[in-house]
Amino acid sequence: MISIKYSCHFDAAHQLELPYDSPCNRRHGHRYTVVIGASASDLQHGMVVDYNVLKGVVDEFDHCDLNERPEFKKPRLQTTAENICQVLAEKLQSAVGVRVSIDEVIVRETPRAAARWRRESV
């Protein structure tokens, strides 16, 4: 098994709808940092996966309003870092196919706050 990590970022706006007073209930933006962990038993073209495939999925979120993305509209998902992790993990796995395993996605929305999704052990 060979594993890789890839880091990138995207800029996006969002607004939470929390049932209590929070500054996050106002529309605001972040420069999100994303770290992706992937692995494969066999390499294709000497790679686990072309980093451009991973970057292409993350780039779909760049310079948009996350609340308007279809992934967060139905069913209605709050645009928290935790939910962004899960959505990205699903989209990344779909993009890389069955040969590659997306093992981890970390979404950092500020220097002090991050969420991490990890594949469950079988």
PDB file of N, CA and C in Angstrom:
ATOM      1  N   MET A   1       0.854  -1.183   0.000  1.00  0.00           N
ATOM      2  CA  MET A   1       0.000   0.000   0.000  1.00  0.00           C
ATOM      3  C   MET A   1       0.895   1.239   0.000  1.00  0.00           C
ATOM      4  N   ILE A   2       0.591   2.168  -0.868  1.00  0.00           N
ATOM      5  CA  ILE A   2       1.311   3.436  -0.925  1.00  0.00           C
ATOM      6  C   ILE A   2       0.303   4.546  -0.687  1.00  0.00           C
ATOM      7  N   SER A   3       0.677   5.513   0.136  1.00  0.00           N
ATOM      8  CA  SER A   3      -0.244   6.608   0.431  1.00  0.00           C
ATOM      9  C   SER A   3       0.394   7.950   0.106  1.00  0.00           C
ATOM     10  N   ILE A   4      -0.461   8.928  -0.148  1.00  0.00           N
ATOM     11  CA  ILE A   4      -0.036  10.286  -0.449  1.00  0.00           C
ATOM     12  C   ILE A   4      -0.852  11.258   0.382  1.00  0.00           C
ATOM     13  N   LYS A   5      -0.341  12.468   0.483  1.00  0.00           N
ATOM     14  CA  LYS A   5      -1.084  13.596   1.051  1.00  0.00           C
ATOM     15  C   LYS A   5      -1.007  14.719   0.025  1.00  0.00           C
ATOM     16  N   TYR A   6      -2.104  15.429  -0.125  1.00  0.00           N
ATOM     17  CA  TYR A   6      -2.129  16.567  -1.036  1.00  0.00           C
ATOM     18  C   TYR A   6      -2.826  17.722  -0.332  1.00  0.00           C
ATOM     19  N   SER A   7      -2.220  18.897  -0.369  1.00  0.00           N
ATOM     20  CA  SER A   7      -2.793  20.091   0.257  1.00  0.00           C
ATOM     21  C   SER A   7      -3.142  21.118  -0.805  1.00  0.00           C
ATOM     22  N   CYS A   8      -4.263  21.773  -0.606  1.00  0.00           N
ATOM     23  CA  CYS A   8      -4.688  22.841  -1.512  1.00  0.00           C
ATOM     24  C   CYS A   8      -5.630  23.755  -0.729  1.00  0.00           C
ATOM     25  N   HIS A   9      -6.182  24.738  -1.393  1.00  0.00           N
ATOM     26  CA  HIS A   9      -7.109  25.638  -0.706  1.00  0.00           C
ATOM     27  C   HIS A   9      -8.186  26.113  -1.679  1.00  0.00           C
ATOM     28  N   PHE A  10      -9.245  26.653  -1.091  1.00  0.00           N
ATOM     29  CA  PHE A  10     -10.270  27.332  -1.877  1.00  0.00           C
ATOM     30  C   PHE A  10     -10.846  28.460  -1.032  1.00  0.00           C
ATOM     31  N   ASP A  11     -11.353  29.476  -1.718  1.00  0.00           N
ATOM     32  CA  ASP A  11     -11.999  30.611  -1.061  1.00  0.00           C
ATOM     33  C   ASP A  11     -13.489  30.514  -1.316  1.00  0.00           C
ATOM     34  N   ALA A  12     -14.282  30.648  -0.255  1.00  0.00           N
ATOM     35  CA  ALA A  12     -15.731  30.535  -0.427  1.00  0.00           C
ATOM     36  C   ALA A  12     -16.456  31.280   0.686  1.00  0.00           C
ATOM     37  N   ALA A  13     -17.680  31.668   0.361  1.00  0.00           N
ATOM     38  CA  ALA A  13     -18.576  32.282   1.345  1.00  0.00           C
ATOM     39  C   ALA A  13     -19.553  31.233   1.838  1.00  0.00           C
ATOM     40  N   HIS A  14     -20.093  31.481   3.023  1.00  0.00           N
ATOM     41  CA  HIS A  14     -21.159  30.623   3.530  1.00  0.00           C
ATOM     42  C   HIS A  14     -21.842  31.322   4.694  1.00  0.00           C
ATOM     43  N   GLN A  15     -22.918  30.739   5.121  1.00  0.00           N
ATOM     44  CA  GLN A  15     -23.682  31.275   6.245  1.00  0.00           C
ATOM     45  C   GLN A  15     -24.347  30.094   6.940  1.00  0.00           C
ATOM     46  N   LEU A  16     -24.163  30.010   8.246  1.00  0.00           N
ATOM     47  CA  LEU A  16     -24.826  28.951   9.007  1.00  0.00           C
ATOM     48  C   LEU A  16     -26.191  29.434   9.478  1.00  0.00           C
ATOM     49  N   GLU A  17     -27.041  28.508   9.833  1.00  0.00           N
ATOM     50  CA  GLU A  17     -28.359  28.818  10.397  1.00  0.00           C
ATOM     51  C   GLU A  17     -28.459  28.099  11.731  1.00  0.00           C
ATOM     52  N   LEU A  18     -27.739  28.623  12.706  1.00  0.00           N
ATOM     53  CA  LEU A  18     -27.699  28.014  14.024  1.00  0.00           C
ATOM     54  C   LEU A  18     -28.861  28.512  14.872  1.00  0.00           C
ATOM     55  N   PRO A  19     -29.394  27.679  15.763  1.00  0.00           N
ATOM     56  CA  PRO A  19     -30.556  28.071  16.565  1.00  0.00           C
ATOM     57  C   PRO A  19     -30.172  28.934  17.770  1.00  0.00           C
ATOM     58  N   TYR A  20     -29.018  29.570  17.724  1.00  0.00           N
ATOM     59  CA  TYR A  20     -28.579  30.465  18.792  1.00  0.00           C
ATOM     60  C   TYR A  20     -27.791  31.602  18.150  1.00  0.00           C
ATOM     61  N   ASP A  21     -27.564  32.662  18.899  1.00  0.00           N
ATOM     62  CA  ASP A  21     -26.871  33.831  18.383  1.00  0.00           C
ATOM     63  C   ASP A  21     -25.399  33.484  18.131  1.00  0.00           C
ATOM     64  N   SER A  22     -24.963  33.649  16.895  1.00  0.00           N
ATOM     65  CA  SER A  22     -23.586  33.360  16.522  1.00  0.00           C
ATOM     66  C   SER A  22     -23.193  34.254  15.357  1.00  0.00           C
ATOM     67  N   PRO A  23     -21.966  34.770  15.355  1.00  0.00           N
ATOM     68  CA  PRO A  23     -21.530  35.556  14.196  1.00  0.00           C
ATOM     69  C   PRO A  23     -21.534  34.726  12.908  1.00  0.00           C
ATOM     70  N   CYS A  24     -21.484  33.402  13.035  1.00  0.00           N
ATOM     71  CA  CYS A  24     -21.495  32.530  11.850  1.00  0.00           C
ATOM     72  C   CYS A  24     -22.851  32.510  11.168  1.00  0.00           C
ATOM     73  N   ASN A  25     -23.884  33.072  11.811  1.00  0.00           N
ATOM     74  CA  ASN A  25     -25.202  33.171  11.182  1.00  0.00           C
ATOM     75  C   ASN A  25     -25.246  34.313  10.161  1.00  0.00           C
ATOM     76  N   ARG A  26     -24.184  35.111  10.100  1.00  0.00           N
ATOM     77  CA  ARG A  26     -24.076  36.148   9.072  1.00  0.00           C
ATOM     78  C   ARG A  26     -23.202  35.607   7.939  1.00  0.00           C
ATOM     79  N   ARG A  27     -23.509  36.007   6.715  1.00  0.00           N
ATOM     80  CA  ARG A  27     -22.711  35.572   5.568  1.00  0.00           C
ATOM     81  C   ARG A  27     -21.278  36.082   5.748  1.00  0.00           C
ATOM     82  N   HIS A  28     -20.335  35.178   5.528  1.00  0.00           N
ATOM     83  CA  HIS A  28     -18.918  35.504   5.664  1.00  0.00           C
ATOM     84  C   HIS A  28     -18.117  34.535   4.808  1.00  0.00           C
ATOM     85  N   GLY A  29     -16.822  34.716   4.776  1.00  0.00           N
ATOM     86  CA  GLY A  29     -16.001  33.856   3.933  1.00  0.00           C
ATOM     87  C   GLY A  29     -14.761  33.357   4.642  1.00  0.00           C
ATOM     88  N   HIS A  30     -14.166  32.338   4.036  1.00  0.00           N
ATOM     89  CA  HIS A  30     -12.932  31.743   4.552  1.00  0.00           C
ATOM     90  C   HIS A  30     -12.026  31.395   3.381  1.00  0.00           C
ATOM     91  N   ARG A  31     -10.746  31.319   3.661  1.00  0.00           N
ATOM     92  CA  ARG A  31      -9.815  30.632   2.776  1.00  0.00           C
ATOM     93  C   ARG A  31      -9.627  29.270   3.430  1.00  0.00           C
ATOM     94  N   TYR A  32     -10.339  28.281   2.900  1.00  0.00           N
ATOM     95  CA  TYR A  32     -10.290  26.929   3.441  1.00  0.00           C
ATOM     96  C   TYR A  32      -9.020  26.233   2.949  1.00  0.00           C
ATOM     97  N   THR A  33      -8.329  25.579   3.852  1.00  0.00           N
ATOM     98  CA  THR A  33      -7.209  24.719   3.485  1.00  0.00           C
ATOM     99  C   THR A  33      -7.703  23.282   3.558  1.00  0.00           C
ATOM    100  N   VAL A  34      -7.399  22.504   2.538  1.00  0.00           N
ATOM    101  CA  VAL A  34      -7.844  21.112   2.467  1.00  0.00           C
ATOM    102  C   VAL A  34      -6.616  20.220   2.354  1.00  0.00           C
ATOM    103  N   VAL A  35      -6.569  19.182   3.176  1.00  0.00           N
ATOM    104  CA  VAL A  35      -5.518  18.171   3.093  1.00  0.00           C
ATOM    105  C   VAL A  35      -6.213  16.837   2.826  1.00  0.00           C
ATOM    106  N   ILE A  36      -5.762  16.164   1.768  1.00  0.00           N
ATOM    107  CA  ILE A  36      -6.380  14.909   1.334  1.00  0.00           C
ATOM    108  C   ILE A  36      -5.357  13.794   1.478  1.00  0.00           C
ATOM    109  N   GLY A  37      -5.764  12.710   2.110  1.00  0.00           N
ATOM    110  CA  GLY A  37      -4.935  11.510   2.189  1.00  0.00           C
ATOM    111  C   GLY A  37      -5.554  10.436   1.318  1.00  0.00           C
ATOM    112  N   ALA A  38      -4.752   9.821   0.466  1.00  0.00           N
ATOM    113  CA  ALA A  38      -5.249   8.774  -0.433  1.00  0.00           C
ATOM    114  C   ALA A  38      -4.226   7.646  -0.485  1.00  0.00           C
ATOM    115  N   SER A  39      -4.693   6.443  -0.842  1.00  0.00           N
ATOM    116  CA  SER A  39      -3.785   5.302  -0.942  1.00  0.00           C
ATOM    117  C   SER A  39      -4.257   4.350  -2.033  1.00  0.00           C
ATOM    118  N   ALA A  40      -3.317   3.502  -2.455  1.00  0.00           N
ATOM    119  CA  ALA A  40      -3.626   2.475  -3.452  1.00  0.00           C
ATOM    120  C   ALA A  40      -2.604   1.350  -3.313  1.00  0.00           C
ATOM    121  N   SER A  41      -3.035   0.146  -3.637  1.00  0.00           N
ATOM    122  CA  SER A  41      -2.135  -1.011  -3.614  1.00  0.00           C
ATOM    123  C   SER A  41      -1.238  -1.048  -4.849  1.00  0.00           C
ATOM    124  N   ASP A  42      -1.789  -0.582  -5.964  1.00  0.00           N
ATOM    125  CA  ASP A  42      -1.000  -0.571  -7.197  1.00  0.00           C
ATOM    126  C   ASP A  42      -1.006   0.832  -7.787  1.00  0.00           C
ATOM    127  N   LEU A  43       0.110   1.194  -8.352  1.00  0.00           N
ATOM    128  CA  LEU A  43       0.256   2.525  -8.936  1.00  0.00           C
ATOM    129  C   LEU A  43      -0.163   2.500 -10.398  1.00  0.00           C
ATOM    130  N   GLN A  44      -0.675   3.615 -10.849  1.00  0.00           N
ATOM    131  CA  GLN A  44      -1.002   3.779 -12.264  1.00  0.00           C
ATOM    132  C   GLN A  44      -0.181   4.956 -12.762  1.00  0.00           C
ATOM    133  N   HIS A  45       0.632   4.733 -13.783  1.00  0.00           N
ATOM    134  CA  HIS A  45       1.560   5.748 -14.296  1.00  0.00           C
ATOM    135  C   HIS A  45       2.516   6.203 -13.197  1.00  0.00           C
ATOM    136  N   GLY A  46       2.837   5.287 -12.271  1.00  0.00           N
ATOM    137  CA  GLY A  46       3.755   5.607 -11.190  1.00  0.00           C
ATOM    138  C   GLY A  46       3.150   6.439 -10.073  1.00  0.00           C
ATOM    139  N   MET A  47       1.809   6.565 -10.056  1.00  0.00           N
ATOM    140  CA  MET A  47       1.155   7.429  -9.070  1.00  0.00           C
ATOM    141  C   MET A  47       0.011   6.696  -8.375  1.00  0.00           C
ATOM    142  N   VAL A  48      -0.250   7.111  -7.129  1.00  0.00           N
ATOM    143  CA  VAL A  48      -1.500   6.699  -6.474  1.00  0.00           C
ATOM    144  C   VAL A  48      -2.647   7.336  -7.245  1.00  0.00           C
ATOM    145  N   VAL A  49      -2.561   8.635  -7.453  1.00  0.00           N
ATOM    146  CA  VAL A  49      -3.544   9.387  -8.229  1.00  0.00           C
ATOM    147  C   VAL A  49      -2.883  10.681  -8.688  1.00  0.00           C
ATOM    148  N   ASP A  50      -3.265  11.164  -9.829  1.00  0.00           N
ATOM    149  CA  ASP A  50      -2.762  12.448 -10.313  1.00  0.00           C
ATOM    150  C   ASP A  50      -3.322  13.544  -9.402  1.00  0.00           C
ATOM    151  N   TYR A  51      -2.440  14.358  -8.839  1.00  0.00           N
ATOM    152  CA  TYR A  51      -2.885  15.425  -7.933  1.00  0.00           C
ATOM    153  C   TYR A  51      -3.887  16.357  -8.599  1.00  0.00           C
ATOM    154  N   ASN A  52      -3.812  16.493  -9.912  1.00  0.00           N
ATOM    155  CA  ASN A  52      -4.754  17.362 -10.618  1.00  0.00           C
ATOM    156  C   ASN A  52      -6.189  16.870 -10.509  1.00  0.00           C
ATOM    157  N   VAL A  53      -6.393  15.572 -10.357  1.00  0.00           N
ATOM    158  CA  VAL A  53      -7.741  15.038 -10.157  1.00  0.00           C
ATOM    159  C   VAL A  53      -8.284  15.522  -8.819  1.00  0.00           C
ATOM    160  N   LEU A  54      -7.455  15.447  -7.778  1.00  0.00           N
ATOM    161  CA  LEU A  54      -7.872  15.907  -6.452  1.00  0.00           C
ATOM    162  C   LEU A  54      -8.131  17.413  -6.463  1.00  0.00           C
ATOM    163  N   LYS A  55      -7.209  18.160  -7.052  1.00  0.00           N
ATOM    164  CA  LYS A  55      -7.355  19.617  -7.131  1.00  0.00           C
ATOM    165  C   LYS A  55      -8.620  20.009  -7.887  1.00  0.00           C
ATOM    166  N   GLY A  56      -8.943  19.273  -8.941  1.00  0.00           N
ATOM    167  CA  GLY A  56     -10.136  19.588  -9.728  1.00  0.00           C
ATOM    168  C   GLY A  56     -11.420  19.491  -8.917  1.00  0.00           C
ATOM    169  N   VAL A  57     -11.491  18.502  -8.034  1.00  0.00           N
ATOM    170  CA  VAL A  57     -12.688  18.364  -7.182  1.00  0.00           C
ATOM    171  C   VAL A  57     -12.768  19.536  -6.207  1.00  0.00           C
ATOM    172  N   VAL A  58     -11.671  19.862  -5.567  1.00  0.00           N
ATOM    173  CA  VAL A  58     -11.667  20.966  -4.599  1.00  0.00           C
ATOM    174  C   VAL A  58     -11.939  22.291  -5.296  1.00  0.00           C
ATOM    175  N   ASP A  59     -11.408  22.472  -6.496  1.00  0.00           N
ATOM    176  CA  ASP A  59     -11.604  23.723  -7.234  1.00  0.00           C
ATOM    177  C   ASP A  59     -13.070  24.005  -7.548  1.00  0.00           C
ATOM    178  N   GLU A  60     -13.911  22.977  -7.563  1.00  0.00           N
ATOM    179  CA  GLU A  60     -15.349  23.199  -7.790  1.00  0.00           C
ATOM    180  C   GLU A  60     -15.940  24.106  -6.711  1.00  0.00           C
ATOM    181  N   PHE A  61     -15.320  24.153  -5.536  1.00  0.00           N
ATOM    182  CA  PHE A  61     -15.832  24.935  -4.414  1.00  0.00           C
ATOM    183  C   PHE A  61     -15.233  26.338  -4.350  1.00  0.00           C
ATOM    184  N   ASP A  62     -14.262  26.623  -5.215  1.00  0.00           N
ATOM    185  CA  ASP A  62     -13.548  27.896  -5.161  1.00  0.00           C
ATOM    186  C   ASP A  62     -14.421  29.050  -5.631  1.00  0.00           C
ATOM    187  N   HIS A  63     -14.368  30.135  -4.875  1.00  0.00           N
ATOM    188  CA  HIS A  63     -15.075  31.376  -5.185  1.00  0.00           C
ATOM    189  C   HIS A  63     -16.568  31.162  -5.436  1.00  0.00           C
ATOM    190  N   CYS A  64     -17.199  30.455  -4.523  1.00  0.00           N
ATOM    191  CA  CYS A  64     -18.645  30.282  -4.627  1.00  0.00           C
ATOM    192  C   CYS A  64     -19.270  30.489  -3.253  1.00  0.00           C
ATOM    193  N   ASP A  65     -20.581  30.514  -3.234  1.00  0.00           N
ATOM    194  CA  ASP A  65     -21.338  30.522  -1.987  1.00  0.00           C
ATOM    195  C   ASP A  65     -21.695  29.069  -1.705  1.00  0.00           C
ATOM    196  N   LEU A  66     -21.104  28.494  -0.679  1.00  0.00           N
ATOM    197  CA  LEU A  66     -21.329  27.073  -0.391  1.00  0.00           C
ATOM    198  C   LEU A  66     -22.805  26.754  -0.167  1.00  0.00           C
ATOM    199  N   ASN A  67     -23.561  27.704   0.378  1.00  0.00           N
ATOM    200  CA  ASN A  67     -24.985  27.472   0.616  1.00  0.00           C
ATOM    201  C   ASN A  67     -25.766  27.269  -0.679  1.00  0.00           C
ATOM    202  N   GLU A  68     -25.214  27.734  -1.787  1.00  0.00           N
ATOM    203  CA  GLU A  68     -25.878  27.582  -3.082  1.00  0.00           C
ATOM    204  C   GLU A  68     -25.466  26.320  -3.825  1.00  0.00           C
ATOM    205  N   ARG A  69     -24.477  25.611  -3.322  1.00  0.00           N
ATOM    206  CA  ARG A  69     -24.025  24.372  -3.974  1.00  0.00           C
ATOM    207  C   ARG A  69     -25.083  23.287  -3.793  1.00  0.00           C
ATOM    208  N   PRO A  70     -25.325  22.488  -4.819  1.00  0.00           N
ATOM    209  CA  PRO A  70     -26.353  21.443  -4.706  1.00  0.00           C
ATOM    210  C   PRO A  70     -26.058  20.415  -3.617  1.00  0.00           C
ATOM    211  N   GLU A  71     -24.789  20.190  -3.312  1.00  0.00           N
ATOM    212  CA  GLU A  71     -24.434  19.210  -2.274  1.00  0.00           C
ATOM    213  C   GLU A  71     -24.967  19.605  -0.896  1.00  0.00           C
ATOM    214  N   PHE A  72     -25.213  20.907  -0.691  1.00  0.00           N
ATOM    215  CA  PHE A  72     -25.673  21.382   0.612  1.00  0.00           C
ATOM    216  C   PHE A  72     -27.144  21.780   0.614  1.00  0.00           C
ATOM    217  N   LYS A  73     -27.788  21.731  -0.554  1.00  0.00           N
ATOM    218  CA  LYS A  73     -29.189  22.151  -0.637  1.00  0.00           C
ATOM    219  C   LYS A  73     -30.177  21.036  -0.322  1.00  0.00           C
ATOM    220  N   LYS A  74     -29.965  19.843  -0.863  1.00  0.00           N
ATOM    221  CA  LYS A  74     -30.914  18.741  -0.668  1.00  0.00           C
ATOM    222  C   LYS A  74     -30.167  17.456  -0.394  1.00  0.00           C
ATOM    223  N   PRO A  75     -30.307  16.841   0.743  1.00  0.00           N
ATOM    224  CA  PRO A  75     -31.013  17.407   1.891  1.00  0.00           C
ATOM    225  C   PRO A  75     -30.228  18.591   2.443  1.00  0.00           C
ATOM    226  N   ARG A  76     -30.923  19.489   3.090  1.00  0.00           N
ATOM    227  CA  ARG A  76     -30.300  20.711   3.600  1.00  0.00           C
ATOM    228  C   ARG A  76     -29.199  20.349   4.593  1.00  0.00           C
ATOM    229  N   LEU A  77     -27.975  20.719   4.262  1.00  0.00           N
ATOM    230  CA  LEU A  77     -26.832  20.505   5.151  1.00  0.00           C
ATOM    231  C   LEU A  77     -26.248  21.852   5.542  1.00  0.00           C
ATOM    232  N   GLN A  78     -25.956  22.010   6.807  1.00  0.00           N
ATOM    233  CA  GLN A  78     -25.232  23.196   7.241  1.00  0.00           C
ATOM    234  C   GLN A  78     -23.847  23.155   6.587  1.00  0.00           C
ATOM    235  N   THR A  79     -23.324  24.294   6.228  1.00  0.00           N
ATOM    236  CA  THR A  79     -22.028  24.367   5.563  1.00  0.00           C
ATOM    237  C   THR A  79     -20.893  24.470   6.590  1.00  0.00           C
ATOM    238  N   THR A  80     -20.914  23.563   7.551  1.00  0.00           N
ATOM    239  CA  THR A  80     -19.858  23.496   8.558  1.00  0.00           C
ATOM    240  C   THR A  80     -18.632  22.806   7.967  1.00  0.00           C
ATOM    241  N   ALA A  81     -17.495  22.996   8.602  1.00  0.00           N
ATOM    242  CA  ALA A  81     -16.280  22.315   8.158  1.00  0.00           C
ATOM    243  C   ALA A  81     -16.469  20.800   8.201  1.00  0.00           C
ATOM    244  N   GLU A  82     -17.215  20.308   9.191  1.00  0.00           N
ATOM    245  CA  GLU A  82     -17.467  18.874   9.294  1.00  0.00           C
ATOM    246  C   GLU A  82     -18.229  18.353   8.081  1.00  0.00           C
ATOM    247  N   ASN A  83     -19.276  19.057   7.685  1.00  0.00           N
ATOM    248  CA  ASN A  83     -20.056  18.628   6.520  1.00  0.00           C
ATOM    249  C   ASN A  83     -19.280  18.822   5.219  1.00  0.00           C
ATOM    250  N   ILE A  84     -18.474  19.874   5.147  1.00  0.00           N
ATOM    251  CA  ILE A  84     -17.643  20.073   3.958  1.00  0.00           C
ATOM    252  C   ILE A  84     -16.685  18.899   3.804  1.00  0.00           C
ATOM    253  N   CYS A  85     -16.108  18.417   4.908  1.00  0.00           N
ATOM    254  CA  CYS A  85     -15.230  17.235   4.876  1.00  0.00           C
ATOM    255  C   CYS A  85     -15.944  16.035   4.271  1.00  0.00           C
ATOM    256  N   GLN A  86     -17.132  15.760   4.766  1.00  0.00           N
ATOM    257  CA  GLN A  86     -17.873  14.592   4.286  1.00  0.00           C
ATOM    258  C   GLN A  86     -18.235  14.718   2.819  1.00  0.00           C
ATOM    259  N   VAL A  87     -18.688  15.887   2.410  1.00  0.00           N
ATOM    260  CA  VAL A  87     -19.057  16.104   1.012  1.00  0.00           C
ATOM    261  C   VAL A  87     -17.826  15.950   0.112  1.00  0.00           C
ATOM    262  N   LEU A  88     -16.720  16.560   0.512  1.00  0.00           N
ATOM    263  CA  LEU A  88     -15.499  16.437  -0.291  1.00  0.00           C
ATOM    264  C   LEU A  88     -15.033  14.984  -0.364  1.00  0.00           C
ATOM    265  N   ALA A  89     -15.101  14.263   0.737  1.00  0.00           N
ATOM    266  CA  ALA A  89     -14.672  12.857   0.734  1.00  0.00           C
ATOM    267  C   ALA A  89     -15.476  12.049  -0.279  1.00  0.00           C
ATOM    268  N   GLU A  90     -16.790  12.250  -0.303  1.00  0.00           N
ATOM    269  CA  GLU A  90     -17.644  11.525  -1.255  1.00  0.00           C
ATOM    270  C   GLU A  90     -17.316  11.903  -2.691  1.00  0.00           C
ATOM    271  N   LYS A  91     -17.162  13.196  -2.958  1.00  0.00           N
ATOM    272  CA  LYS A  91     -16.865  13.655  -4.314  1.00  0.00           C
ATOM    273  C   LYS A  91     -15.481  13.190  -4.768  1.00  0.00           C
ATOM    274  N   LEU A  92     -14.516  13.234  -3.870  1.00  0.00           N
ATOM    275  CA  LEU A  92     -13.165  12.783  -4.205  1.00  0.00           C
ATOM    276  C   LEU A  92     -13.149  11.294  -4.506  1.00  0.00           C
ATOM    277  N   GLN A  93     -13.834  10.495  -3.677  1.00  0.00           N
ATOM    278  CA  GLN A  93     -13.850   9.056  -3.915  1.00  0.00           C
ATOM    279  C   GLN A  93     -14.494   8.739  -5.261  1.00  0.00           C
ATOM    280  N   SER A  94     -15.550   9.442  -5.578  1.00  0.00           N
ATOM    281  CA  SER A  94     -16.207   9.238  -6.868  1.00  0.00           C
ATOM    282  C   SER A  94     -15.266   9.596  -8.023  1.00  0.00           C
ATOM    283  N   ALA A  95     -14.486  10.647  -7.842  1.00  0.00           N
ATOM    284  CA  ALA A  95     -13.581  11.100  -8.908  1.00  0.00           C
ATOM    285  C   ALA A  95     -12.403  10.158  -9.130  1.00  0.00           C
ATOM    286  N   VAL A  96     -11.909   9.502  -8.082  1.00  0.00           N
ATOM    287  CA  VAL A  96     -10.716   8.664  -8.230  1.00  0.00           C
ATOM    288  C   VAL A  96     -11.033   7.214  -8.563  1.00  0.00           C
ATOM    289  N   GLY A  97     -12.260   6.782  -8.361  1.00  0.00           N
ATOM    290  CA  GLY A  97     -12.645   5.408  -8.686  1.00  0.00           C
ATOM    291  C   GLY A  97     -12.256   4.410  -7.604  1.00  0.00           C
ATOM    292  N   VAL A  98     -12.452   3.134  -7.917  1.00  0.00           N
ATOM    293  CA  VAL A  98     -12.293   2.085  -6.907  1.00  0.00           C
ATOM    294  C   VAL A  98     -10.842   1.683  -6.651  1.00  0.00           C
ATOM    295  N   ARG A  99      -9.924   1.976  -7.558  1.00  0.00           N
ATOM    296  CA  ARG A  99      -8.526   1.593  -7.367  1.00  0.00           C
ATOM    297  C   ARG A  99      -7.880   2.381  -6.229  1.00  0.00           C
ATOM    298  N   VAL A 100      -8.339   3.598  -6.025  1.00  0.00           N
ATOM    299  CA  VAL A 100      -7.761   4.503  -5.036  1.00  0.00           C
ATOM    300  C   VAL A 100      -8.732   4.651  -3.867  1.00  0.00           C
ATOM    301  N   SER A 101      -8.184   4.700  -2.667  1.00  0.00           N
ATOM    302  CA  SER A 101      -8.987   4.930  -1.469  1.00  0.00           C
ATOM    303  C   SER A 101      -8.720   6.337  -0.947  1.00  0.00           C
ATOM    304  N   ILE A 102      -9.782   7.127  -0.810  1.00  0.00           N
ATOM    305  CA  ILE A 102      -9.652   8.401  -0.104  1.00  0.00           C
ATOM    306  C   ILE A 102      -9.750   8.047   1.376  1.00  0.00           C
ATOM    307  N   ASP A 103      -8.666   8.258   2.100  1.00  0.00           N
ATOM    308  CA  ASP A 103      -8.580   7.818   3.490  1.00  0.00           C
ATOM    309  C   ASP A 103      -8.854   8.917   4.506  1.00  0.00           C
ATOM    310  N   GLU A 104      -8.588  10.161   4.111  1.00  0.00           N
ATOM    311  CA  GLU A 104      -8.725  11.257   5.063  1.00  0.00           C
ATOM    312  C   GLU A 104      -8.924  12.561   4.311  1.00  0.00           C
ATOM    313  N   VAL A 105      -9.772  13.410   4.864  1.00  0.00           N
ATOM    314  CA  VAL A 105      -9.943  14.769   4.356  1.00  0.00           C
ATOM    315  C   VAL A 105      -9.970  15.692   5.569  1.00  0.00           C
ATOM    316  N   ILE A 106      -9.099  16.684   5.554  1.00  0.00           N
ATOM    317  CA  ILE A 106      -9.072  17.696   6.612  1.00  0.00           C
ATOM    318  C   ILE A 106      -9.453  19.021   5.974  1.00  0.00           C
ATOM    319  N   VAL A 107     -10.380  19.726   6.597  1.00  0.00           N
ATOM    320  CA  VAL A 107     -10.783  21.052   6.140  1.00  0.00           C
ATOM    321  C   VAL A 107     -10.507  22.026   7.280  1.00  0.00           C
ATOM    322  N   ARG A 108      -9.594  22.949   7.013  1.00  0.00           N
ATOM    323  CA  ARG A 108      -9.254  23.980   8.002  1.00  0.00           C
ATOM    324  C   ARG A 108      -9.886  25.278   7.533  1.00  0.00           C
ATOM    325  N   GLU A 109     -10.766  25.854   8.373  1.00  0.00           N
ATOM    326  CA  GLU A 109     -11.404  27.102   7.965  1.00  0.00           C
ATOM    327  C   GLU A 109     -10.737  28.327   8.561  1.00  0.00           C
ATOM    328  N   THR A 110      -9.982  28.150   9.620  1.00  0.00           N
ATOM    329  CA  THR A 110      -9.159  29.218  10.193  1.00  0.00           C
ATOM    330  C   THR A 110      -7.871  28.560  10.692  1.00  0.00           C
ATOM    331  N   PRO A 111      -6.877  29.355  11.052  1.00  0.00           N
ATOM    332  CA  PRO A 111      -5.651  28.746  11.590  1.00  0.00           C
ATOM    333  C   PRO A 111      -5.904  27.938  12.871  1.00  0.00           C
ATOM    334  N   ARG A 112      -7.010  28.226  13.575  1.00  0.00           N
ATOM    335  CA  ARG A 112      -7.279  27.536  14.835  1.00  0.00           C
ATOM    336  C   ARG A 112      -8.356  26.471  14.762  1.00  0.00           C
ATOM    337  N   ALA A 113      -9.060  26.358  13.631  1.00  0.00           N
ATOM    338  CA  ALA A 113     -10.219  25.461  13.585  1.00  0.00           C
ATOM    339  C   ALA A 113     -10.185  24.574  12.350  1.00  0.00           C
ATOM    340  N   ALA A 114     -10.308  23.265  12.585  1.00  0.00           N
ATOM    341  CA  ALA A 114     -10.293  22.302  11.474  1.00  0.00           C
ATOM    342  C   ALA A 114     -11.198  21.129  11.816  1.00  0.00           C
ATOM    343  N   ALA A 115     -11.673  20.474  10.783  1.00  0.00           N
ATOM    344  CA  ALA A 115     -12.450  19.239  10.933  1.00  0.00           C
ATOM    345  C   ALA A 115     -11.738  18.166  10.128  1.00  0.00           C
ATOM    346  N   ARG A 116     -11.868  16.919  10.574  1.00  0.00           N
ATOM    347  CA  ARG A 116     -11.209  15.818   9.880  1.00  0.00           C
ATOM    348  C   ARG A 116     -12.206  14.665   9.695  1.00  0.00           C
ATOM    349  N   TRP A 117     -12.265  14.192   8.445  1.00  0.00           N
ATOM    350  CA  TRP A 117     -13.027  12.992   8.107  1.00  0.00           C
ATOM    351  C   TRP A 117     -12.005  11.881   7.853  1.00  0.00           C
ATOM    352  N   ARG A 118     -12.243  10.701   8.419  1.00  0.00           N
ATOM    353  CA  ARG A 118     -11.382   9.554   8.147  1.00  0.00           C
ATOM    354  C   ARG A 118     -12.238   8.367   7.762  1.00  0.00           C
ATOM    355  N   ARG A 119     -11.728   7.584   6.812  1.00  0.00           N
ATOM    356  CA  ARG A 119     -12.410   6.359   6.400  1.00  0.00           C
ATOM    357  C   ARG A 119     -12.474   5.427   7.596  1.00  0.00           C
ATOM    358  N   GLU A 120     -13.635   4.824   7.798  1.00  0.00           N
ATOM    359  CA  GLU A 120     -13.790   3.851   8.871  1.00  0.00           C
ATOM    360  C   GLU A 120     -13.031   2.574   8.541  1.00  0.00           C
ATOM    361  N   SER A 121     -12.422   2.006   9.541  1.00  0.00           N
ATOM    362  CA  SER A 121     -11.743   0.716   9.336  1.00  0.00           C
ATOM    363  C   SER A 121     -12.774  -0.362   9.124  1.00  0.00           C
ATOM    364  N   VAL A 122     -12.457  -1.281   8.215  1.00  0.00           N
ATOM    365  CA  VAL A 122     -13.410  -2.354   7.891  1.00  0.00           C
ATOM    366  C   VAL A 122     -13.202  -3.517   8.830  1.00  0.00           C
TER     367      VAL A 122
END
